[in-house]
Amino acid sequence: MRAYKSTYEAIGSAEGVRRIVEGFYPKVQEHPLLAPLFPEEIEPVMDKQYKFLTQFFGGPSLFSDEYGHPMMRGRHMRFPITEKHAEAWLDCMRRSLAETDLPEDLQRHVLERLSGPAHHFINTPSEEET
């Protein structure tokens, strides 16, 4: 197996990130818990996600170059995000990754990397916690 410099390179660089993002957002838009948090015009969100994931996985700093420091938790504070939201988001990502030709161990690695940020965005107790 080839050694990669970064997750970005391992998933196929720009084309791989784009494929994941394009598979991910239709699932988000169909999800009853997640869809209300996203605008109907999803293209700008997809572009930001593409730039963020490119940078997050070790590619060019597209997000920071355009928007400054990611500060992703702060950028998401205006949305009520519970544990269920984080898990739903990760499930949509898992299903998007499953549609790619990426090896299963790489898919798991990507999900593990994204699990931390997804849970870091939680800012609202779940209904059963209140």
N, C-alpha and C. Protein backbone atom coordinates (compact mmCIF):
# COMPACT_ATOMS: atom_id res chain seq x y z
N MET A 1 0.85 -1.19 0.00
CA MET A 1 0.00 0.00 0.00
C MET A 1 0.89 1.25 0.00
N ARG A 2 0.51 2.22 -0.74
CA ARG A 2 1.27 3.45 -0.88
C ARG A 2 1.21 4.28 0.41
N ALA A 3 2.30 4.88 0.76
CA ALA A 3 2.33 5.78 1.92
C ALA A 3 1.90 7.18 1.47
N TYR A 4 1.02 7.79 2.22
CA TYR A 4 0.52 9.13 1.89
C TYR A 4 1.07 10.15 2.87
N LYS A 5 1.23 11.37 2.40
CA LYS A 5 1.69 12.46 3.26
C LYS A 5 0.58 12.93 4.20
N SER A 6 -0.67 12.81 3.74
CA SER A 6 -1.79 13.36 4.51
C SER A 6 -3.07 12.58 4.20
N THR A 7 -4.05 12.76 5.05
CA THR A 7 -5.37 12.20 4.78
C THR A 7 -5.92 12.80 3.50
N TYR A 8 -5.67 14.08 3.29
CA TYR A 8 -6.11 14.76 2.07
C TYR A 8 -5.64 14.00 0.83
N GLU A 9 -4.38 13.66 0.79
CA GLU A 9 -3.83 12.94 -0.35
C GLU A 9 -4.42 11.53 -0.43
N ALA A 10 -4.58 10.87 0.71
CA ALA A 10 -5.10 9.50 0.74
C ALA A 10 -6.53 9.41 0.20
N ILE A 11 -7.34 10.44 0.45
CA ILE A 11 -8.73 10.38 -0.01
C ILE A 11 -8.90 10.87 -1.44
N GLY A 12 -7.80 11.25 -2.07
CA GLY A 12 -7.88 11.65 -3.48
C GLY A 12 -7.75 13.13 -3.72
N SER A 13 -7.20 13.84 -2.77
CA SER A 13 -6.96 15.29 -2.88
C SER A 13 -8.24 16.03 -3.20
N ALA A 14 -8.16 17.06 -4.02
CA ALA A 14 -9.32 17.93 -4.29
C ALA A 14 -10.52 17.13 -4.80
N GLU A 15 -10.28 16.25 -5.74
CA GLU A 15 -11.37 15.47 -6.33
C GLU A 15 -12.04 14.57 -5.28
N GLY A 16 -11.23 13.97 -4.41
CA GLY A 16 -11.78 13.11 -3.37
C GLY A 16 -12.61 13.88 -2.36
N VAL A 17 -12.12 15.02 -1.94
CA VAL A 17 -12.88 15.85 -0.99
C VAL A 17 -14.19 16.29 -1.64
N ARG A 18 -14.12 16.72 -2.87
CA ARG A 18 -15.33 17.18 -3.58
C ARG A 18 -16.35 16.04 -3.66
N ARG A 19 -15.90 14.85 -3.96
CA ARG A 19 -16.81 13.69 -4.08
C ARG A 19 -17.50 13.41 -2.74
N ILE A 20 -16.74 13.49 -1.64
CA ILE A 20 -17.31 13.25 -0.32
C ILE A 20 -18.35 14.31 0.01
N VAL A 21 -18.02 15.57 -0.22
CA VAL A 21 -18.94 16.68 0.08
C VAL A 21 -20.20 16.57 -0.77
N GLU A 22 -20.05 16.25 -2.03
CA GLU A 22 -21.22 16.15 -2.92
C GLU A 22 -22.11 14.96 -2.57
N GLY A 23 -21.54 13.92 -1.98
CA GLY A 23 -22.36 12.80 -1.53
C GLY A 23 -22.99 13.05 -0.17
N PHE A 24 -22.36 13.90 0.61
CA PHE A 24 -22.79 14.17 1.98
C PHE A 24 -24.03 15.07 2.06
N TYR A 25 -24.03 16.18 1.35
CA TYR A 25 -25.09 17.17 1.56
C TYR A 25 -26.49 16.73 1.13
N PRO A 26 -26.67 15.91 0.10
CA PRO A 26 -28.03 15.42 -0.13
C PRO A 26 -28.57 14.61 1.05
N LYS A 27 -27.70 13.90 1.74
CA LYS A 27 -28.12 13.15 2.92
C LYS A 27 -28.52 14.09 4.05
N VAL A 28 -27.75 15.16 4.23
CA VAL A 28 -28.06 16.16 5.24
C VAL A 28 -29.41 16.80 4.93
N GLN A 29 -29.62 17.15 3.67
CA GLN A 29 -30.87 17.82 3.28
C GLN A 29 -32.09 16.93 3.46
N GLU A 30 -31.90 15.62 3.43
CA GLU A 30 -33.02 14.68 3.61
C GLU A 30 -33.21 14.29 5.08
N HIS A 31 -32.27 14.64 5.93
CA HIS A 31 -32.33 14.20 7.32
C HIS A 31 -33.26 15.12 8.12
N PRO A 32 -34.27 14.56 8.80
CA PRO A 32 -35.24 15.39 9.51
C PRO A 32 -34.65 16.23 10.64
N LEU A 33 -33.58 15.79 11.25
CA LEU A 33 -32.96 16.54 12.34
C LEU A 33 -31.98 17.60 11.82
N LEU A 34 -31.29 17.28 10.74
CA LEU A 34 -30.25 18.18 10.24
C LEU A 34 -30.75 19.20 9.22
N ALA A 35 -31.67 18.80 8.36
CA ALA A 35 -32.12 19.68 7.27
C ALA A 35 -32.55 21.07 7.75
N PRO A 36 -33.28 21.19 8.87
CA PRO A 36 -33.70 22.52 9.32
C PRO A 36 -32.55 23.46 9.68
N LEU A 37 -31.37 22.92 9.93
CA LEU A 37 -30.23 23.76 10.30
C LEU A 37 -29.50 24.33 9.09
N PHE A 38 -29.85 23.88 7.90
CA PHE A 38 -29.14 24.28 6.70
C PHE A 38 -30.04 25.07 5.77
N PRO A 39 -29.46 26.03 5.04
CA PRO A 39 -30.27 26.81 4.10
C PRO A 39 -30.68 25.95 2.90
N GLU A 40 -31.75 26.37 2.27
CA GLU A 40 -32.20 25.66 1.07
C GLU A 40 -31.14 25.76 -0.03
N GLU A 41 -30.54 26.92 -0.16
CA GLU A 41 -29.46 27.12 -1.14
C GLU A 41 -28.18 26.55 -0.53
N ILE A 42 -27.88 25.30 -0.83
CA ILE A 42 -26.81 24.57 -0.15
C ILE A 42 -25.44 24.74 -0.80
N GLU A 43 -25.37 25.23 -2.01
CA GLU A 43 -24.08 25.34 -2.72
C GLU A 43 -23.02 26.13 -1.94
N PRO A 44 -23.34 27.30 -1.37
CA PRO A 44 -22.31 28.01 -0.60
C PRO A 44 -21.82 27.22 0.62
N VAL A 45 -22.71 26.48 1.25
CA VAL A 45 -22.34 25.65 2.39
C VAL A 45 -21.40 24.54 1.93
N MET A 46 -21.73 23.94 0.80
CA MET A 46 -20.89 22.87 0.25
C MET A 46 -19.49 23.40 -0.09
N ASP A 47 -19.43 24.60 -0.63
CA ASP A 47 -18.13 25.18 -0.97
C ASP A 47 -17.29 25.42 0.29
N LYS A 48 -17.92 25.94 1.34
CA LYS A 48 -17.20 26.15 2.59
C LYS A 48 -16.73 24.82 3.19
N GLN A 49 -17.60 23.81 3.14
CA GLN A 49 -17.23 22.50 3.67
C GLN A 49 -16.06 21.91 2.88
N TYR A 50 -16.11 22.06 1.57
CA TYR A 50 -15.01 21.58 0.73
C TYR A 50 -13.70 22.26 1.15
N LYS A 51 -13.73 23.55 1.32
CA LYS A 51 -12.52 24.29 1.70
C LYS A 51 -12.06 23.91 3.10
N PHE A 52 -13.00 23.75 4.02
CA PHE A 52 -12.62 23.37 5.37
C PHE A 52 -12.02 21.97 5.40
N LEU A 53 -12.70 20.99 4.78
CA LEU A 53 -12.18 19.62 4.80
C LEU A 53 -10.85 19.50 4.09
N THR A 54 -10.66 20.26 3.02
CA THR A 54 -9.38 20.26 2.33
C THR A 54 -8.28 20.62 3.33
N GLN A 55 -8.49 21.68 4.05
CA GLN A 55 -7.50 22.16 5.02
C GLN A 55 -7.40 21.20 6.21
N PHE A 56 -8.53 20.76 6.73
CA PHE A 56 -8.57 19.88 7.90
C PHE A 56 -7.81 18.58 7.67
N PHE A 57 -7.90 18.07 6.46
CA PHE A 57 -7.24 16.80 6.15
C PHE A 57 -5.82 16.96 5.63
N GLY A 58 -5.27 18.16 5.68
CA GLY A 58 -3.86 18.35 5.36
C GLY A 58 -3.56 18.90 3.98
N GLY A 59 -4.59 19.37 3.28
CA GLY A 59 -4.38 19.98 1.98
C GLY A 59 -4.14 21.48 2.11
N PRO A 60 -4.26 22.20 1.01
CA PRO A 60 -4.06 23.65 1.04
C PRO A 60 -5.00 24.35 2.02
N SER A 61 -4.57 25.46 2.55
CA SER A 61 -5.35 26.20 3.57
C SER A 61 -6.43 27.07 2.92
N LEU A 62 -7.27 26.45 2.13
CA LEU A 62 -8.31 27.18 1.38
C LEU A 62 -9.26 27.93 2.29
N PHE A 63 -9.70 27.28 3.37
CA PHE A 63 -10.67 27.92 4.26
C PHE A 63 -10.06 29.14 4.94
N SER A 64 -8.91 28.96 5.56
CA SER A 64 -8.27 30.07 6.27
C SER A 64 -7.89 31.20 5.33
N ASP A 65 -7.46 30.86 4.14
CA ASP A 65 -7.08 31.89 3.17
C ASP A 65 -8.27 32.79 2.83
N GLU A 66 -9.46 32.23 2.80
CA GLU A 66 -10.64 33.01 2.43
C GLU A 66 -11.40 33.58 3.62
N TYR A 67 -11.49 32.81 4.71
CA TYR A 67 -12.36 33.20 5.83
C TYR A 67 -11.63 33.47 7.14
N GLY A 68 -10.34 33.28 7.18
CA GLY A 68 -9.60 33.43 8.42
C GLY A 68 -9.60 32.14 9.20
N HIS A 69 -9.17 32.21 10.46
CA HIS A 69 -9.10 31.02 11.30
C HIS A 69 -10.46 30.33 11.33
N PRO A 70 -10.48 29.00 11.21
CA PRO A 70 -11.77 28.30 11.15
C PRO A 70 -12.71 28.57 12.33
N MET A 71 -12.22 28.59 13.57
CA MET A 71 -13.08 28.82 14.74
C MET A 71 -14.44 28.15 14.57
N MET A 72 -14.43 26.86 14.22
CA MET A 72 -15.66 26.18 13.83
C MET A 72 -16.70 26.11 14.96
N ARG A 73 -16.29 25.91 16.18
CA ARG A 73 -17.28 25.88 17.26
C ARG A 73 -18.00 27.22 17.34
N GLY A 74 -17.26 28.30 17.30
CA GLY A 74 -17.87 29.63 17.34
C GLY A 74 -18.79 29.88 16.17
N ARG A 75 -18.40 29.42 15.01
CA ARG A 75 -19.23 29.61 13.80
C ARG A 75 -20.54 28.83 13.89
N HIS A 76 -20.56 27.79 14.72
CA HIS A 76 -21.76 26.95 14.82
C HIS A 76 -22.60 27.24 16.06
N MET A 77 -22.17 28.18 16.90
CA MET A 77 -22.88 28.44 18.16
C MET A 77 -24.32 28.93 17.96
N ARG A 78 -24.60 29.54 16.84
CA ARG A 78 -25.96 30.06 16.64
C ARG A 78 -26.97 28.94 16.35
N PHE A 79 -26.47 27.73 16.13
CA PHE A 79 -27.34 26.59 15.86
C PHE A 79 -27.40 25.70 17.09
N PRO A 80 -28.60 25.24 17.48
CA PRO A 80 -28.69 24.31 18.62
C PRO A 80 -28.20 22.93 18.18
N ILE A 81 -27.05 22.52 18.69
CA ILE A 81 -26.47 21.24 18.29
C ILE A 81 -26.40 20.34 19.51
N THR A 82 -27.08 19.20 19.41
CA THR A 82 -27.11 18.21 20.48
C THR A 82 -26.25 17.01 20.08
N GLU A 83 -26.11 16.08 20.99
CA GLU A 83 -25.41 14.82 20.70
C GLU A 83 -26.08 14.12 19.50
N LYS A 84 -27.41 14.17 19.45
CA LYS A 84 -28.13 13.54 18.33
C LYS A 84 -27.77 14.20 17.01
N HIS A 85 -27.61 15.51 17.01
CA HIS A 85 -27.20 16.20 15.78
C HIS A 85 -25.81 15.74 15.35
N ALA A 86 -24.89 15.66 16.31
CA ALA A 86 -23.52 15.24 15.99
C ALA A 86 -23.52 13.83 15.42
N GLU A 87 -24.26 12.94 16.03
CA GLU A 87 -24.30 11.56 15.55
C GLU A 87 -24.98 11.46 14.19
N ALA A 88 -26.02 12.26 13.97
CA ALA A 88 -26.70 12.26 12.66
C ALA A 88 -25.75 12.78 11.58
N TRP A 89 -25.00 13.83 11.91
CA TRP A 89 -24.03 14.40 10.97
C TRP A 89 -22.99 13.35 10.60
N LEU A 90 -22.47 12.67 11.61
CA LEU A 90 -21.46 11.63 11.37
C LEU A 90 -22.04 10.47 10.57
N ASP A 91 -23.31 10.13 10.80
CA ASP A 91 -23.92 9.05 10.02
C ASP A 91 -24.07 9.45 8.56
N CYS A 92 -24.44 10.69 8.30
CA CYS A 92 -24.51 11.15 6.90
C CYS A 92 -23.12 11.08 6.26
N MET A 93 -22.11 11.45 7.02
CA MET A 93 -20.74 11.38 6.49
C MET A 93 -20.34 9.92 6.27
N ARG A 94 -20.68 9.05 7.20
CA ARG A 94 -20.37 7.63 7.05
C ARG A 94 -21.00 7.07 5.77
N ARG A 95 -22.25 7.41 5.53
CA ARG A 95 -22.94 6.93 4.33
C ARG A 95 -22.34 7.52 3.06
N SER A 96 -21.91 8.77 3.12
CA SER A 96 -21.25 9.38 1.97
C SER A 96 -19.93 8.67 1.67
N LEU A 97 -19.16 8.40 2.71
CA LEU A 97 -17.89 7.70 2.53
C LEU A 97 -18.10 6.29 1.98
N ALA A 98 -19.16 5.63 2.42
CA ALA A 98 -19.45 4.27 1.97
C ALA A 98 -19.75 4.22 0.47
N GLU A 99 -20.16 5.34 -0.09
CA GLU A 99 -20.44 5.40 -1.53
C GLU A 99 -19.18 5.62 -2.37
N THR A 100 -18.06 5.85 -1.72
CA THR A 100 -16.81 6.06 -2.44
C THR A 100 -16.09 4.72 -2.60
N ASP A 101 -14.99 4.77 -3.31
CA ASP A 101 -14.17 3.56 -3.46
C ASP A 101 -13.00 3.55 -2.47
N LEU A 102 -13.09 4.39 -1.44
CA LEU A 102 -12.03 4.44 -0.44
C LEU A 102 -12.03 3.14 0.38
N PRO A 103 -10.86 2.64 0.74
CA PRO A 103 -10.80 1.44 1.58
C PRO A 103 -11.50 1.67 2.92
N GLU A 104 -12.06 0.61 3.47
CA GLU A 104 -12.81 0.73 4.72
C GLU A 104 -11.97 1.30 5.86
N ASP A 105 -10.70 0.93 5.93
CA ASP A 105 -9.87 1.45 7.02
C ASP A 105 -9.67 2.96 6.88
N LEU A 106 -9.61 3.45 5.65
CA LEU A 106 -9.49 4.89 5.42
C LEU A 106 -10.80 5.59 5.75
N GLN A 107 -11.92 4.98 5.41
CA GLN A 107 -13.22 5.54 5.76
C GLN A 107 -13.34 5.67 7.28
N ARG A 108 -12.93 4.64 8.01
CA ARG A 108 -12.97 4.69 9.48
C ARG A 108 -12.07 5.80 10.01
N HIS A 109 -10.87 5.93 9.41
CA HIS A 109 -9.94 6.98 9.83
C HIS A 109 -10.57 8.37 9.65
N VAL A 110 -11.18 8.59 8.50
CA VAL A 110 -11.83 9.88 8.22
C VAL A 110 -12.92 10.15 9.26
N LEU A 111 -13.75 9.15 9.53
CA LEU A 111 -14.81 9.34 10.53
C LEU A 111 -14.25 9.59 11.92
N GLU A 112 -13.19 8.91 12.28
CA GLU A 112 -12.57 9.15 13.58
C GLU A 112 -12.04 10.57 13.67
N ARG A 113 -11.43 11.05 12.60
CA ARG A 113 -10.92 12.43 12.59
C ARG A 113 -12.05 13.43 12.73
N LEU A 114 -13.19 13.16 12.10
CA LEU A 114 -14.32 14.08 12.12
C LEU A 114 -15.16 13.97 13.39
N SER A 115 -15.03 12.88 14.10
CA SER A 115 -15.83 12.66 15.30
C SER A 115 -15.52 13.71 16.37
N GLY A 116 -14.25 14.04 16.54
CA GLY A 116 -13.88 15.04 17.54
C GLY A 116 -14.54 16.38 17.28
N PRO A 117 -14.35 16.96 16.08
CA PRO A 117 -15.01 18.24 15.80
C PRO A 117 -16.54 18.14 15.89
N ALA A 118 -17.12 17.07 15.38
CA ALA A 118 -18.59 16.95 15.41
C ALA A 118 -19.10 17.02 16.85
N HIS A 119 -18.42 16.36 17.76
CA HIS A 119 -18.84 16.38 19.16
C HIS A 119 -18.43 17.68 19.86
N HIS A 120 -17.40 18.31 19.38
CA HIS A 120 -16.98 19.60 19.94
C HIS A 120 -18.02 20.69 19.69
N PHE A 121 -18.80 20.55 18.64
CA PHE A 121 -19.81 21.55 18.29
C PHE A 121 -21.05 21.46 19.16
N ILE A 122 -21.21 20.40 19.95
CA ILE A 122 -22.40 20.25 20.79
C ILE A 122 -22.47 21.42 21.76
N ASN A 123 -23.61 22.10 21.71
CA ASN A 123 -23.79 23.28 22.56
C ASN A 123 -25.14 23.33 23.24
N THR A 124 -25.91 22.26 23.07
CA THR A 124 -27.27 22.21 23.62
C THR A 124 -27.49 20.82 24.23
N PRO A 125 -27.99 20.77 25.46
CA PRO A 125 -28.28 19.45 26.04
C PRO A 125 -29.35 18.72 25.23
N SER A 126 -29.24 17.41 25.17
CA SER A 126 -30.28 16.61 24.52
C SER A 126 -31.56 16.71 25.35
N GLU A 127 -32.69 16.44 24.71
CA GLU A 127 -33.99 16.56 25.38
C GLU A 127 -34.03 15.73 26.66
N GLU A 128 -33.44 14.52 26.64
CA GLU A 128 -33.49 13.67 27.83
C GLU A 128 -32.60 14.18 28.95
N GLU A 129 -31.68 15.10 28.65
CA GLU A 129 -30.81 15.67 29.67
C GLU A 129 -31.44 16.87 30.38
N THR A 130 -32.48 17.43 29.79
CA THR A 130 -33.10 18.63 30.37
C THR A 130 -34.22 18.29 31.32
